[in-house]
Amino acid sequence: MKEIGLVALTLLALAGLAAVSALPGLTLVEDGQFVMLSAAAVGIPLQALYFSALGLALTWSGVRPEGWYWRPFAHHHLLTPPQRWLVLPLFWAGAVAFLVILLGIAVTVLGLADMILEA
């Protein structure tokens, strides 16, 4: 089953690369920056909310370990089920925003490479 996912992901990446290569470099740079900055504008506040919610939940439970903020995901098992409903959606939304930021960076780099190769 994992192999099917890897093949699908590879085909999706190749289709995306083919679609992106049809656009001019400057358009890719501008669109990539827009995607990257828009995702950062959403993702950074989401992560601030996540860290606040996790810190409060761990404090209220009385199980907040020392240095919990360096590896916060390692302490998700300490949350009660109601706390998980509050904290984990913020974690996953921030993680998706981070992936979209990486996508924007990749599109920007592809646009820059296209502009350099055209020159």
N, C-alpha and C. Protein backbone atom coordinates (compact mmCIF):
# COMPACT_ATOMS: atom_id res chain seq x y z
N MET A 1 0.81 -1.20 0.00
CA MET A 1 0.00 0.00 0.00
C MET A 1 0.86 1.26 0.00
N LYS A 2 1.98 1.20 0.72
CA LYS A 2 2.87 2.36 0.74
C LYS A 2 3.45 2.63 -0.64
N GLU A 3 3.70 1.56 -1.40
CA GLU A 3 4.27 1.72 -2.73
C GLU A 3 3.31 2.48 -3.65
N ILE A 4 2.03 2.19 -3.52
CA ILE A 4 1.04 2.90 -4.35
C ILE A 4 1.05 4.39 -4.01
N GLY A 5 1.16 4.69 -2.74
CA GLY A 5 1.23 6.09 -2.33
C GLY A 5 2.47 6.78 -2.86
N LEU A 6 3.60 6.08 -2.83
CA LEU A 6 4.84 6.67 -3.35
C LEU A 6 4.76 6.89 -4.86
N VAL A 7 4.18 5.94 -5.58
CA VAL A 7 4.02 6.09 -7.02
C VAL A 7 3.08 7.26 -7.32
N ALA A 8 1.98 7.35 -6.60
CA ALA A 8 1.03 8.45 -6.80
C ALA A 8 1.68 9.79 -6.49
N LEU A 9 2.45 9.85 -5.43
CA LEU A 9 3.14 11.09 -5.07
C LEU A 9 4.16 11.47 -6.13
N THR A 10 4.89 10.49 -6.66
CA THR A 10 5.86 10.76 -7.72
C THR A 10 5.19 11.27 -8.98
N LEU A 11 4.09 10.63 -9.37
CA LEU A 11 3.36 11.08 -10.55
C LEU A 11 2.78 12.47 -10.36
N LEU A 12 2.29 12.74 -9.16
CA LEU A 12 1.77 14.07 -8.86
C LEU A 12 2.88 15.12 -8.92
N ALA A 13 4.06 14.79 -8.40
CA ALA A 13 5.19 15.71 -8.45
C ALA A 13 5.63 15.96 -9.89
N LEU A 14 5.67 14.92 -10.71
CA LEU A 14 6.05 15.09 -12.11
C LEU A 14 5.02 15.93 -12.87
N ALA A 15 3.74 15.71 -12.60
CA ALA A 15 2.69 16.50 -13.24
C ALA A 15 2.79 17.96 -12.81
N GLY A 16 3.07 18.19 -11.53
CA GLY A 16 3.25 19.55 -11.05
C GLY A 16 4.46 20.23 -11.67
N LEU A 17 5.55 19.49 -11.81
CA LEU A 17 6.75 20.03 -12.43
C LEU A 17 6.50 20.38 -13.89
N ALA A 18 5.76 19.52 -14.60
CA ALA A 18 5.43 19.80 -15.99
C ALA A 18 4.54 21.03 -16.10
N ALA A 19 3.58 21.17 -15.20
CA ALA A 19 2.70 22.34 -15.24
C ALA A 19 3.46 23.61 -14.90
N VAL A 20 4.36 23.51 -13.93
CA VAL A 20 5.13 24.68 -13.52
C VAL A 20 6.12 25.10 -14.60
N SER A 21 6.68 24.15 -15.32
CA SER A 21 7.68 24.49 -16.34
C SER A 21 7.05 25.23 -17.51
N ALA A 22 5.74 25.18 -17.65
CA ALA A 22 5.07 25.88 -18.74
C ALA A 22 4.90 27.37 -18.44
N LEU A 23 5.10 27.77 -17.20
CA LEU A 23 4.93 29.17 -16.82
C LEU A 23 6.26 29.91 -16.89
N PRO A 24 6.22 31.23 -17.13
CA PRO A 24 7.46 32.01 -17.14
C PRO A 24 8.07 32.09 -15.73
N GLY A 25 9.38 32.27 -15.69
CA GLY A 25 10.10 32.29 -14.42
C GLY A 25 9.63 33.36 -13.46
N LEU A 26 9.39 34.57 -13.97
CA LEU A 26 8.97 35.67 -13.09
C LEU A 26 7.61 35.37 -12.46
N THR A 27 6.71 34.77 -13.22
CA THR A 27 5.40 34.39 -12.68
C THR A 27 5.56 33.37 -11.56
N LEU A 28 6.46 32.40 -11.76
CA LEU A 28 6.70 31.39 -10.73
C LEU A 28 7.26 32.02 -9.46
N VAL A 29 8.18 32.95 -9.62
CA VAL A 29 8.77 33.61 -8.45
C VAL A 29 7.69 34.38 -7.68
N GLU A 30 6.89 35.14 -8.39
CA GLU A 30 5.84 35.92 -7.74
C GLU A 30 4.79 35.03 -7.08
N ASP A 31 4.36 34.00 -7.78
CA ASP A 31 3.36 33.09 -7.21
C ASP A 31 3.92 32.30 -6.03
N GLY A 32 5.17 31.87 -6.15
CA GLY A 32 5.80 31.14 -5.06
C GLY A 32 5.94 31.99 -3.81
N GLN A 33 6.32 33.25 -4.01
CA GLN A 33 6.42 34.16 -2.86
C GLN A 33 5.05 34.40 -2.24
N PHE A 34 4.03 34.53 -3.07
CA PHE A 34 2.69 34.75 -2.54
C PHE A 34 2.23 33.55 -1.70
N VAL A 35 2.44 32.35 -2.23
CA VAL A 35 2.04 31.13 -1.51
C VAL A 35 2.82 31.03 -0.20
N MET A 36 4.13 31.25 -0.28
CA MET A 36 4.99 31.12 0.89
C MET A 36 4.60 32.13 1.98
N LEU A 37 4.43 33.37 1.60
CA LEU A 37 4.13 34.41 2.59
C LEU A 37 2.70 34.30 3.13
N SER A 38 1.77 33.87 2.29
CA SER A 38 0.39 33.69 2.76
C SER A 38 0.32 32.55 3.77
N ALA A 39 1.02 31.45 3.48
CA ALA A 39 1.03 30.33 4.41
C ALA A 39 1.73 30.70 5.71
N ALA A 40 2.78 31.51 5.62
CA ALA A 40 3.47 31.95 6.83
C ALA A 40 2.58 32.88 7.66
N ALA A 41 1.80 33.72 6.98
CA ALA A 41 0.90 34.62 7.70
C ALA A 41 -0.17 33.86 8.46
N VAL A 42 -0.53 32.70 7.98
CA VAL A 42 -1.51 31.86 8.67
C VAL A 42 -0.81 30.93 9.67
N GLY A 43 0.29 30.33 9.24
CA GLY A 43 0.95 29.30 10.04
C GLY A 43 1.64 29.80 11.29
N ILE A 44 2.25 30.96 11.24
CA ILE A 44 2.97 31.47 12.41
C ILE A 44 2.01 31.77 13.56
N PRO A 45 0.89 32.47 13.32
CA PRO A 45 -0.06 32.64 14.42
C PRO A 45 -0.67 31.33 14.91
N LEU A 46 -0.89 30.38 14.00
CA LEU A 46 -1.40 29.08 14.42
C LEU A 46 -0.43 28.37 15.35
N GLN A 47 0.85 28.45 15.05
CA GLN A 47 1.83 27.82 15.92
C GLN A 47 1.94 28.54 17.26
N ALA A 48 1.78 29.85 17.27
CA ALA A 48 1.76 30.58 18.54
C ALA A 48 0.57 30.13 19.39
N LEU A 49 -0.59 29.96 18.74
CA LEU A 49 -1.76 29.45 19.46
C LEU A 49 -1.54 28.03 19.95
N TYR A 50 -0.90 27.20 19.12
CA TYR A 50 -0.63 25.82 19.51
C TYR A 50 0.28 25.76 20.74
N PHE A 51 1.37 26.51 20.71
CA PHE A 51 2.29 26.49 21.85
C PHE A 51 1.60 27.01 23.11
N SER A 52 0.79 28.05 22.96
CA SER A 52 0.06 28.58 24.12
C SER A 52 -0.93 27.55 24.66
N ALA A 53 -1.69 26.93 23.76
CA ALA A 53 -2.68 25.93 24.20
C ALA A 53 -2.01 24.72 24.83
N LEU A 54 -0.91 24.26 24.24
CA LEU A 54 -0.22 23.10 24.80
C LEU A 54 0.38 23.43 26.16
N GLY A 55 1.00 24.59 26.28
CA GLY A 55 1.57 24.99 27.56
C GLY A 55 0.52 25.10 28.65
N LEU A 56 -0.61 25.71 28.31
CA LEU A 56 -1.69 25.83 29.30
C LEU A 56 -2.26 24.48 29.67
N ALA A 57 -2.46 23.62 28.66
CA ALA A 57 -3.02 22.29 28.94
C ALA A 57 -2.09 21.47 29.82
N LEU A 58 -0.80 21.51 29.53
CA LEU A 58 0.15 20.76 30.36
C LEU A 58 0.25 21.34 31.76
N THR A 59 0.15 22.66 31.87
CA THR A 59 0.21 23.30 33.19
C THR A 59 -1.02 22.95 34.01
N TRP A 60 -2.20 23.02 33.38
CA TRP A 60 -3.44 22.71 34.10
C TRP A 60 -3.48 21.25 34.54
N SER A 61 -2.87 20.37 33.75
CA SER A 61 -2.83 18.95 34.12
C SER A 61 -1.81 18.69 35.22
N GLY A 62 -0.88 19.60 35.39
CA GLY A 62 0.17 19.42 36.39
C GLY A 62 1.26 18.47 35.93
N VAL A 63 1.39 18.25 34.62
CA VAL A 63 2.40 17.32 34.11
C VAL A 63 3.34 18.01 33.12
N ARG A 64 3.49 19.32 33.22
CA ARG A 64 4.35 20.03 32.28
C ARG A 64 5.82 19.73 32.57
N PRO A 65 6.50 19.02 31.66
CA PRO A 65 7.92 18.71 31.88
C PRO A 65 8.80 19.93 31.64
N GLU A 66 9.98 19.88 32.20
CA GLU A 66 10.96 20.95 31.99
C GLU A 66 11.39 20.93 30.52
N GLY A 67 11.43 22.10 29.89
CA GLY A 67 11.86 22.20 28.50
C GLY A 67 10.88 21.60 27.50
N TRP A 68 9.60 21.58 27.83
CA TRP A 68 8.59 20.97 26.96
C TRP A 68 8.53 21.64 25.59
N TYR A 69 8.88 22.90 25.50
CA TYR A 69 8.74 23.66 24.26
C TYR A 69 9.80 23.30 23.22
N TRP A 70 10.87 22.60 23.61
CA TRP A 70 11.89 22.22 22.63
C TRP A 70 11.44 21.05 21.77
N ARG A 71 10.64 20.16 22.32
CA ARG A 71 10.05 19.04 21.58
C ARG A 71 8.60 18.89 22.01
N PRO A 72 7.74 19.82 21.63
CA PRO A 72 6.37 19.80 22.14
C PRO A 72 5.58 18.58 21.70
N PHE A 73 5.82 18.08 20.49
CA PHE A 73 5.06 16.94 19.99
C PHE A 73 5.35 15.67 20.78
N ALA A 74 6.47 15.64 21.49
CA ALA A 74 6.79 14.46 22.29
C ALA A 74 5.95 14.39 23.57
N HIS A 75 5.18 15.42 23.84
CA HIS A 75 4.38 15.46 25.06
C HIS A 75 2.88 15.40 24.80
N HIS A 76 2.50 15.09 23.56
CA HIS A 76 1.08 14.99 23.24
C HIS A 76 0.40 13.87 24.01
N HIS A 77 1.14 12.84 24.35
CA HIS A 77 0.54 11.71 25.08
C HIS A 77 0.14 12.10 26.51
N LEU A 78 0.64 13.23 27.00
CA LEU A 78 0.29 13.67 28.35
C LEU A 78 -1.05 14.40 28.40
N LEU A 79 -1.61 14.71 27.24
CA LEU A 79 -2.86 15.45 27.18
C LEU A 79 -4.05 14.52 27.43
N THR A 80 -5.07 15.05 28.08
CA THR A 80 -6.32 14.31 28.24
C THR A 80 -7.09 14.38 26.92
N PRO A 81 -8.05 13.48 26.70
CA PRO A 81 -8.80 13.52 25.44
C PRO A 81 -9.46 14.88 25.14
N PRO A 82 -10.08 15.56 26.11
CA PRO A 82 -10.62 16.88 25.76
C PRO A 82 -9.53 17.89 25.38
N GLN A 83 -8.37 17.78 26.02
CA GLN A 83 -7.27 18.69 25.68
C GLN A 83 -6.75 18.41 24.28
N ARG A 84 -6.75 17.14 23.89
CA ARG A 84 -6.30 16.80 22.54
C ARG A 84 -7.18 17.43 21.47
N TRP A 85 -8.49 17.48 21.74
CA TRP A 85 -9.41 18.10 20.79
C TRP A 85 -9.13 19.58 20.61
N LEU A 86 -8.55 20.20 21.62
CA LEU A 86 -8.22 21.63 21.54
C LEU A 86 -6.84 21.86 20.94
N VAL A 87 -5.85 21.06 21.34
CA VAL A 87 -4.45 21.32 21.00
C VAL A 87 -4.05 20.73 19.64
N LEU A 88 -4.40 19.49 19.38
CA LEU A 88 -3.89 18.81 18.19
C LEU A 88 -4.37 19.40 16.86
N PRO A 89 -5.59 19.91 16.73
CA PRO A 89 -5.95 20.56 15.46
C PRO A 89 -5.05 21.76 15.15
N LEU A 90 -4.65 22.49 16.19
CA LEU A 90 -3.74 23.61 15.96
C LEU A 90 -2.37 23.10 15.49
N PHE A 91 -1.92 21.98 16.07
CA PHE A 91 -0.65 21.38 15.67
C PHE A 91 -0.69 20.98 14.20
N TRP A 92 -1.74 20.25 13.80
CA TRP A 92 -1.81 19.77 12.42
C TRP A 92 -2.03 20.89 11.43
N ALA A 93 -2.79 21.90 11.80
CA ALA A 93 -2.98 23.04 10.89
C ALA A 93 -1.66 23.78 10.68
N GLY A 94 -0.89 23.94 11.74
CA GLY A 94 0.42 24.56 11.61
C GLY A 94 1.37 23.71 10.78
N ALA A 95 1.28 22.40 10.91
CA ALA A 95 2.14 21.51 10.13
C ALA A 95 1.79 21.59 8.64
N VAL A 96 0.51 21.66 8.33
CA VAL A 96 0.09 21.81 6.93
C VAL A 96 0.56 23.16 6.38
N ALA A 97 0.44 24.21 7.19
CA ALA A 97 0.92 25.52 6.76
C ALA A 97 2.42 25.48 6.48
N PHE A 98 3.17 24.75 7.29
CA PHE A 98 4.61 24.63 7.07
C PHE A 98 4.89 23.93 5.74
N LEU A 99 4.14 22.88 5.43
CA LEU A 99 4.32 22.19 4.16
C LEU A 99 3.99 23.11 2.98
N VAL A 100 2.98 23.95 3.13
CA VAL A 100 2.63 24.90 2.07
C VAL A 100 3.73 25.95 1.92
N ILE A 101 4.34 26.36 3.03
CA ILE A 101 5.49 27.27 2.96
C ILE A 101 6.61 26.61 2.15
N LEU A 102 6.89 25.34 2.41
CA LEU A 102 7.93 24.64 1.66
C LEU A 102 7.57 24.54 0.18
N LEU A 103 6.30 24.35 -0.13
CA LEU A 103 5.86 24.32 -1.52
C LEU A 103 6.11 25.67 -2.19
N GLY A 104 5.79 26.75 -1.49
CA GLY A 104 6.05 28.08 -2.02
C GLY A 104 7.53 28.33 -2.25
N ILE A 105 8.36 27.86 -1.34
CA ILE A 105 9.81 28.00 -1.52
C ILE A 105 10.26 27.22 -2.76
N ALA A 106 9.74 26.00 -2.92
CA ALA A 106 10.12 25.18 -4.08
C ALA A 106 9.72 25.85 -5.39
N VAL A 107 8.52 26.42 -5.44
CA VAL A 107 8.06 27.10 -6.66
C VAL A 107 8.93 28.33 -6.93
N THR A 108 9.28 29.06 -5.89
CA THR A 108 10.13 30.24 -6.05
C THR A 108 11.51 29.84 -6.59
N VAL A 109 12.07 28.78 -6.03
CA VAL A 109 13.39 28.31 -6.49
C VAL A 109 13.31 27.84 -7.94
N LEU A 110 12.24 27.16 -8.30
CA LEU A 110 12.07 26.74 -9.70
C LEU A 110 11.99 27.95 -10.63
N GLY A 111 11.28 28.98 -10.19
CA GLY A 111 11.19 30.20 -11.00
C GLY A 111 12.53 30.89 -11.14
N LEU A 112 13.29 30.95 -10.05
CA LEU A 112 14.62 31.55 -10.12
C LEU A 112 15.54 30.75 -11.04
N ALA A 113 15.48 29.42 -10.93
CA ALA A 113 16.29 28.58 -11.80
C ALA A 113 15.91 28.78 -13.26
N ASP A 114 14.63 28.90 -13.53
CA ASP A 114 14.17 29.14 -14.91
C ASP A 114 14.68 30.48 -15.41
N MET A 115 14.63 31.50 -14.56
CA MET A 115 15.11 32.82 -14.97
C MET A 115 16.62 32.81 -15.24
N ILE A 116 17.36 32.07 -14.44
CA ILE A 116 18.82 31.99 -14.62
C ILE A 116 19.15 31.24 -15.90
N LEU A 117 18.43 30.16 -16.16
CA LEU A 117 18.71 29.36 -17.34
C LEU A 117 18.32 30.08 -18.64
N GLU A 118 17.33 30.96 -18.56
CA GLU A 118 16.92 31.72 -19.74
C GLU A 118 17.91 32.82 -20.08
N ALA A 119 18.62 33.31 -19.07
CA ALA A 119 19.54 34.43 -19.29
C ALA A 119 20.76 34.04 -20.07
